[in-house]
PDB file of all heavy atoms in Angstrom:
ATOM      1  N   GLY A   1     117.213  22.071  75.417  1.00  0.00           N
ATOM      2  CA  GLY A   1     115.868  22.556  75.181  1.00  0.00           C
ATOM      3  C   GLY A   1     115.506  23.640  76.185  1.00  0.00           C
ATOM      4  O   GLY A   1     116.300  23.976  77.078  1.00  0.00           O
ATOM      5  N   PRO A   2     114.307  24.190  76.089  1.00  0.00           N
ATOM      6  CA  PRO A   2     113.886  25.250  77.005  1.00  0.00           C
ATOM      7  C   PRO A   2     113.722  24.736  78.437  1.00  0.00           C
ATOM      8  O   PRO A   2     113.349  23.583  78.657  1.00  0.00           O
ATOM      9  CB  PRO A   2     112.536  25.704  76.433  1.00  0.00           C
ATOM     10  CG  PRO A   2     112.516  25.202  75.023  1.00  0.00           C
ATOM     11  CD  PRO A   2     113.314  23.951  75.022  1.00  0.00           C
ATOM     12  N   VAL A   3     114.007  25.605  79.386  1.00  0.00           N
ATOM     13  CA  VAL A   3     113.765  25.324  80.802  1.00  0.00           C
ATOM     14  C   VAL A   3     112.742  26.327  81.321  1.00  0.00           C
ATOM     15  O   VAL A   3     112.904  27.539  81.128  1.00  0.00           O
ATOM     16  CB  VAL A   3     115.063  25.405  81.626  1.00  0.00           C
ATOM     17  CG1 VAL A   3     114.767  25.308  83.116  1.00  0.00           C
ATOM     18  CG2 VAL A   3     116.028  24.302  81.211  1.00  0.00           C
ATOM     19  N   ALA A   4     111.676  25.818  81.940  1.00  0.00           N
ATOM     20  CA  ALA A   4     110.651  26.680  82.527  1.00  0.00           C
ATOM     21  C   ALA A   4     111.118  27.149  83.896  1.00  0.00           C
ATOM     22  O   ALA A   4     111.565  26.347  84.716  1.00  0.00           O
ATOM     23  CB  ALA A   4     109.340  25.929  82.649  1.00  0.00           C
ATOM     24  N   SER A   5     111.024  28.443  84.142  1.00  0.00           N
ATOM     25  CA  SER A   5     111.511  29.053  85.377  1.00  0.00           C
ATOM     26  C   SER A   5     110.359  29.761  86.082  1.00  0.00           C
ATOM     27  O   SER A   5     109.737  30.661  85.523  1.00  0.00           O
ATOM     28  CB  SER A   5     112.626  30.062  85.060  1.00  0.00           C
ATOM     29  OG  SER A   5     113.054  30.728  86.217  1.00  0.00           O
ATOM     30  N   GLY A   6     110.094  29.339  87.326  1.00  0.00           N
ATOM     31  CA  GLY A   6     109.031  29.984  88.085  1.00  0.00           C
ATOM     32  C   GLY A   6     109.114  29.603  89.549  1.00  0.00           C
ATOM     33  O   GLY A   6     109.608  28.530  89.891  1.00  0.00           O
ATOM     34  N   ASP A   7     108.643  30.478  90.417  1.00  0.00           N
ATOM     35  CA  ASP A   7     108.702  30.220  91.856  1.00  0.00           C
ATOM     36  C   ASP A   7     107.562  29.288  92.261  1.00  0.00           C
ATOM     37  O   ASP A   7     106.589  29.696  92.913  1.00  0.00           O
ATOM     38  CB  ASP A   7     108.627  31.533  92.636  1.00  0.00           C
ATOM     39  CG  ASP A   7     109.898  32.360  92.485  1.00  0.00           C
ATOM     40  OD1 ASP A   7     110.940  31.781  92.119  1.00  0.00           O
ATOM     41  OD2 ASP A   7     109.858  33.565  92.732  1.00  0.00           O
ATOM     42  N   GLU A   8     107.708  28.040  91.875  1.00  0.00           N
ATOM     43  CA  GLU A   8     106.650  27.055  92.096  1.00  0.00           C
ATOM     44  C   GLU A   8     107.260  25.662  92.088  1.00  0.00           C
ATOM     45  O   GLU A   8     108.008  25.316  91.168  1.00  0.00           O
ATOM     46  CB  GLU A   8     105.599  27.172  90.983  1.00  0.00           C
ATOM     47  CG  GLU A   8     104.589  26.059  90.969  1.00  0.00           C
ATOM     48  CD  GLU A   8     103.710  26.063  89.717  1.00  0.00           C
ATOM     49  OE1 GLU A   8     103.921  26.923  88.836  1.00  0.00           O
ATOM     50  OE2 GLU A   8     102.830  25.192  89.634  1.00  0.00           O
ATOM     51  N   ASP A   9     106.954  24.871  93.089  1.00  0.00           N
ATOM     52  CA  ASP A   9     107.317  23.459  93.061  1.00  0.00           C
ATOM     53  C   ASP A   9     106.304  22.716  92.196  1.00  0.00           C
ATOM     54  O   ASP A   9     105.122  22.637  92.557  1.00  0.00           O
ATOM     55  CB  ASP A   9     107.318  22.873  94.474  1.00  0.00           C
ATOM     56  CG  ASP A   9     108.602  23.156  95.228  1.00  0.00           C
ATOM     57  OD1 ASP A   9     109.646  23.314  94.564  1.00  0.00           O
ATOM     58  OD2 ASP A   9     108.566  23.213  96.464  1.00  0.00           O
ATOM     59  N   VAL A  10     106.745  22.212  91.073  1.00  0.00           N
ATOM     60  CA  VAL A  10     105.877  21.403  90.217  1.00  0.00           C
ATOM     61  C   VAL A  10     106.033  19.960  90.664  1.00  0.00           C
ATOM     62  O   VAL A  10     107.042  19.311  90.390  1.00  0.00           O
ATOM     63  CB  VAL A  10     106.242  21.576  88.731  1.00  0.00           C
ATOM     64  CG1 VAL A  10     105.364  20.692  87.856  1.00  0.00           C
ATOM     65  CG2 VAL A  10     106.086  23.042  88.322  1.00  0.00           C
ATOM     66  N   MET A  11     105.034  19.456  91.380  1.00  0.00           N
ATOM     67  CA  MET A  11     105.124  18.136  92.003  1.00  0.00           C
ATOM     68  C   MET A  11     103.821  17.356  91.845  1.00  0.00           C
ATOM     69  O   MET A  11     103.391  16.644  92.746  1.00  0.00           O
ATOM     70  CB  MET A  11     105.473  18.272  93.491  1.00  0.00           C
ATOM     71  CG  MET A  11     106.816  18.925  93.764  1.00  0.00           C
ATOM     72  SD  MET A  11     107.289  18.854  95.512  1.00  0.00           S
ATOM     73  CE  MET A  11     105.947  19.784  96.252  1.00  0.00           C
ATOM     74  N   ALA A  12     103.189  17.510  90.694  1.00  0.00           N
ATOM     75  CA  ALA A  12     101.957  16.772  90.420  1.00  0.00           C
ATOM     76  C   ALA A  12     101.847  16.554  88.919  1.00  0.00           C
ATOM     77  O   ALA A  12     102.207  17.428  88.125  1.00  0.00           O
ATOM     78  CB  ALA A  12     100.738  17.540  90.935  1.00  0.00           C
ATOM     79  N   ASP A  13     101.366  15.386  88.547  1.00  0.00           N
ATOM     80  CA  ASP A  13     101.287  15.049  87.126  1.00  0.00           C
ATOM     81  C   ASP A  13     100.452  16.062  86.344  1.00  0.00           C
ATOM     82  O   ASP A  13     100.818  16.457  85.234  1.00  0.00           O
ATOM     83  CB  ASP A  13     100.689  13.645  86.950  1.00  0.00           C
ATOM     84  CG  ASP A  13     101.639  12.554  87.406  1.00  0.00           C
ATOM     85  OD1 ASP A  13     102.791  12.545  86.946  1.00  0.00           O
ATOM     86  OD2 ASP A  13     101.223  11.714  88.226  1.00  0.00           O
ATOM     87  N   LYS A  14      99.344  16.500  86.932  1.00  0.00           N
ATOM     88  CA  LYS A  14      98.482  17.451  86.233  1.00  0.00           C
ATOM     89  C   LYS A  14      99.201  18.756  85.962  1.00  0.00           C
ATOM     90  O   LYS A  14      99.154  19.298  84.847  1.00  0.00           O
ATOM     91  CB  LYS A  14      97.216  17.706  87.054  1.00  0.00           C
ATOM     92  CG  LYS A  14      96.258  18.688  86.386  1.00  0.00           C
ATOM     93  CD  LYS A  14      95.025  18.922  87.252  1.00  0.00           C
ATOM     94  CE  LYS A  14      94.102  19.941  86.590  1.00  0.00           C
ATOM     95  NZ  LYS A  14      92.895  20.202  87.440  1.00  0.00           N
ATOM     96  N   ARG A  15      99.882  19.293  86.970  1.00  0.00           N
ATOM     97  CA  ARG A  15     100.591  20.565  86.795  1.00  0.00           C
ATOM     98  C   ARG A  15     101.773  20.406  85.862  1.00  0.00           C
ATOM     99  O   ARG A  15     102.068  21.320  85.071  1.00  0.00           O
ATOM    100  CB  ARG A  15     101.049  21.082  88.168  1.00  0.00           C
ATOM    101  CG  ARG A  15     101.741  22.432  88.101  1.00  0.00           C
ATOM    102  CD  ARG A  15     100.860  23.494  87.501  1.00  0.00           C
ATOM    103  NE  ARG A  15     101.536  24.779  87.442  1.00  0.00           N
ATOM    104  CZ  ARG A  15     101.338  25.676  86.478  1.00  0.00           C
ATOM    105  NH1 ARG A  15     100.481  25.422  85.495  1.00  0.00           N
ATOM    106  NH2 ARG A  15     101.993  26.812  86.493  1.00  0.00           N
ATOM    107  N   LYS A  16     102.440  19.275  85.917  1.00  0.00           N
ATOM    108  CA  LYS A  16     103.548  18.999  85.005  1.00  0.00           C
ATOM    109  C   LYS A  16     103.092  19.090  83.556  1.00  0.00           C
ATOM    110  O   LYS A  16     103.753  19.711  82.715  1.00  0.00           O
ATOM    111  CB  LYS A  16     104.109  17.610  85.302  1.00  0.00           C
ATOM    112  CG  LYS A  16     105.145  17.118  84.317  1.00  0.00           C
ATOM    113  CD  LYS A  16     105.598  15.713  84.679  1.00  0.00           C
ATOM    114  CE  LYS A  16     106.599  15.170  83.669  1.00  0.00           C
ATOM    115  NZ  LYS A  16     107.096  13.825  84.069  1.00  0.00           N
ATOM    116  N   ILE A  17     101.966  18.490  83.256  1.00  0.00           N
ATOM    117  CA  ILE A  17     101.438  18.514  81.885  1.00  0.00           C
ATOM    118  C   ILE A  17     101.088  19.939  81.478  1.00  0.00           C
ATOM    119  O   ILE A  17     101.345  20.360  80.342  1.00  0.00           O
ATOM    120  CB  ILE A  17     100.207  17.592  81.782  1.00  0.00           C
ATOM    121  CG1 ILE A  17     100.634  16.125  81.944  1.00  0.00           C
ATOM    122  CG2 ILE A  17      99.494  17.787  80.445  1.00  0.00           C
ATOM    123  CD1 ILE A  17      99.485  15.161  82.125  1.00  0.00           C
ATOM    124  N   GLU A  18     100.519  20.712  82.409  1.00  0.00           N
ATOM    125  CA  GLU A  18     100.148  22.100  82.110  1.00  0.00           C
ATOM    126  C   GLU A  18     101.379  22.939  81.770  1.00  0.00           C
ATOM    127  O   GLU A  18     101.369  23.694  80.782  1.00  0.00           O
ATOM    128  CB  GLU A  18      99.418  22.713  83.307  1.00  0.00           C
ATOM    129  CG  GLU A  18      98.045  22.155  83.559  1.00  0.00           C
ATOM    130  CD  GLU A  18      97.429  22.666  84.854  1.00  0.00           C
ATOM    131  OE1 GLU A  18      98.169  23.280  85.670  1.00  0.00           O
ATOM    132  OE2 GLU A  18      96.222  22.451  85.059  1.00  0.00           O
ATOM    133  N   VAL A  19     102.431  22.827  82.591  1.00  0.00           N
ATOM    134  CA  VAL A  19     103.638  23.628  82.358  1.00  0.00           C
ATOM    135  C   VAL A  19     104.306  23.220  81.048  1.00  0.00           C
ATOM    136  O   VAL A  19     104.762  24.077  80.269  1.00  0.00           O
ATOM    137  CB  VAL A  19     104.626  23.485  83.539  1.00  0.00           C
ATOM    138  CG1 VAL A  19     105.947  24.165  83.219  1.00  0.00           C
ATOM    139  CG2 VAL A  19     104.010  24.079  84.803  1.00  0.00           C
ATOM    140  N   LYS A  20     104.366  21.936  80.776  1.00  0.00           N
ATOM    141  CA  LYS A  20     104.963  21.459  79.537  1.00  0.00           C
ATOM    142  C   LYS A  20     104.194  21.985  78.320  1.00  0.00           C
ATOM    143  O   LYS A  20     104.788  22.450  77.337  1.00  0.00           O
ATOM    144  CB  LYS A  20     104.994  19.935  79.531  1.00  0.00           C
ATOM    145  CG  LYS A  20     105.684  19.342  78.318  1.00  0.00           C
ATOM    146  CD  LYS A  20     105.768  17.828  78.421  1.00  0.00           C
ATOM    147  CE  LYS A  20     106.481  17.225  77.218  1.00  0.00           C
ATOM    148  NZ  LYS A  20     106.593  15.753  77.334  1.00  0.00           N
ATOM    149  N   LYS A  21     102.873  21.942  78.387  1.00  0.00           N
ATOM    150  CA  LYS A  21     102.042  22.429  77.272  1.00  0.00           C
ATOM    151  C   LYS A  21     102.172  23.942  77.123  1.00  0.00           C
ATOM    152  O   LYS A  21     102.237  24.474  76.011  1.00  0.00           O
ATOM    153  CB  LYS A  21     100.583  22.040  77.514  1.00  0.00           C
ATOM    154  CG  LYS A  21      99.643  22.466  76.398  1.00  0.00           C
ATOM    155  CD  LYS A  21      98.225  22.001  76.679  1.00  0.00           C
ATOM    156  CE  LYS A  21      97.279  22.434  75.566  1.00  0.00           C
ATOM    157  NZ  LYS A  21      95.874  21.992  75.840  1.00  0.00           N
ATOM    158  N   GLN A  22     102.239  24.639  78.230  1.00  0.00           N
ATOM    159  CA  GLN A  22     102.304  26.097  78.238  1.00  0.00           C
ATOM    160  C   GLN A  22     103.616  26.621  77.663  1.00  0.00           C
ATOM    161  O   GLN A  22     103.644  27.635  76.959  1.00  0.00           O
ATOM    162  CB  GLN A  22     102.135  26.586  79.680  1.00  0.00           C
ATOM    163  CG  GLN A  22     102.264  28.079  79.889  1.00  0.00           C
ATOM    164  CD  GLN A  22     102.310  28.426  81.371  1.00  0.00           C
ATOM    165  OE1 GLN A  22     102.524  27.555  82.230  1.00  0.00           O
ATOM    166  NE2 GLN A  22     102.108  29.684  81.688  1.00  0.00           N
ATOM    167  N   THR A  23     104.718  25.935  77.950  1.00  0.00           N
ATOM    168  CA  THR A  23     106.043  26.469  77.632  1.00  0.00           C
ATOM    169  C   THR A  23     106.802  25.689  76.560  1.00  0.00           C
ATOM    170  O   THR A  23     107.723  26.234  75.946  1.00  0.00           O
ATOM    171  CB  THR A  23     106.925  26.480  78.894  1.00  0.00           C
ATOM    172  OG1 THR A  23     107.105  25.121  79.350  1.00  0.00           O
ATOM    173  CG2 THR A  23     106.289  27.303  79.998  1.00  0.00           C
ATOM    174  N   GLY A  24     106.501  24.414  76.403  1.00  0.00           N
ATOM    175  CA  GLY A  24     107.313  23.561  75.534  1.00  0.00           C
ATOM    176  C   GLY A  24     108.649  23.211  76.155  1.00  0.00           C
ATOM    177  O   GLY A  24     109.558  22.722  75.465  1.00  0.00           O
ATOM    178  N   ALA A  25     108.786  23.432  77.467  1.00  0.00           N
ATOM    179  CA  ALA A  25     110.055  23.187  78.149  1.00  0.00           C
ATOM    180  C   ALA A  25     110.294  21.703  78.361  1.00  0.00           C
ATOM    181  O   ALA A  25     109.360  20.893  78.364  1.00  0.00           O
ATOM    182  CB  ALA A  25     110.082  23.912  79.495  1.00  0.00           C
TER     183      ALA A  25
END
């Protein structure tokens, strides 16, 4: 599946949900 790539440590449930919704990764 898709992998989201960005210079950011995703280490919080809220941000995890945002990135998943934004990218479908």
